[in-house]
Amino acid sequence: MRVDLMHRVTVSAVLALFLSLALLVGAAPGVLAQAPQRGGAAELLAADPVLEERVTELSHKLRCLVCQNQSIAESNAPLAVDLRNQVREQLAAGKSEDQVIDYLVARYGDFVLYLPPVNGITLLLWVGPGLLLFSGVGWLALRLRGRADEPASAALNNDQRNRARALLDGAPLPPEEPRS
């Protein structure tokens, strides 16, 4: 009785495993076809190829607000898809690229731009690397100049020279001469 029950459970488990594998194999091509492509550009959605090219070009200039260092053209994040759709809709409505950028900057700030404008807030971003470079070079020049002004190390007297030689030879140290 117990063996019969074990046999039924085993047969049921094997059948369930085969059915699961069959469903997985049958559904895989459909799932893979719908999977987003990583690292590629956004899929083309507009019927007009000129409009889609403008959308793609403008999307490469706009930063994904969710992803790290990806444009909205490269990102598959839901917010990036929404932003691409916004760009597409506004360009299709006849707005210029500058008007679309102005709209997105008004909504999300300069962070949405890969090339932020030079203004009071972003000035440190533009000037900072140069300031750091010149500060580093200036600091290095001052240090090198200070070393050149330092007196050369004093030469050893005979007593110090004998002690150093004894240390190198492993011989007992000669007694120190009293300093005057």
Foldseek 3Di string as FASTA:
>chain_A
DVVVVVVVVVVVVVVVVVVVVVVCVVCVVVVVVPDDDAQDFADADDPDVVLSVVLRVLQQFWCDPPDDPGGLRRDPDPSSVVLSVQSSVCVVVPDDSVVSVVVVCVVPNQNGGPDGDDDPVCVCVVCVVVVVVVVVVVVVVVVVVVVVPDDDDDDDDPLVVQQVVCVVVVHDGDDDDDDD
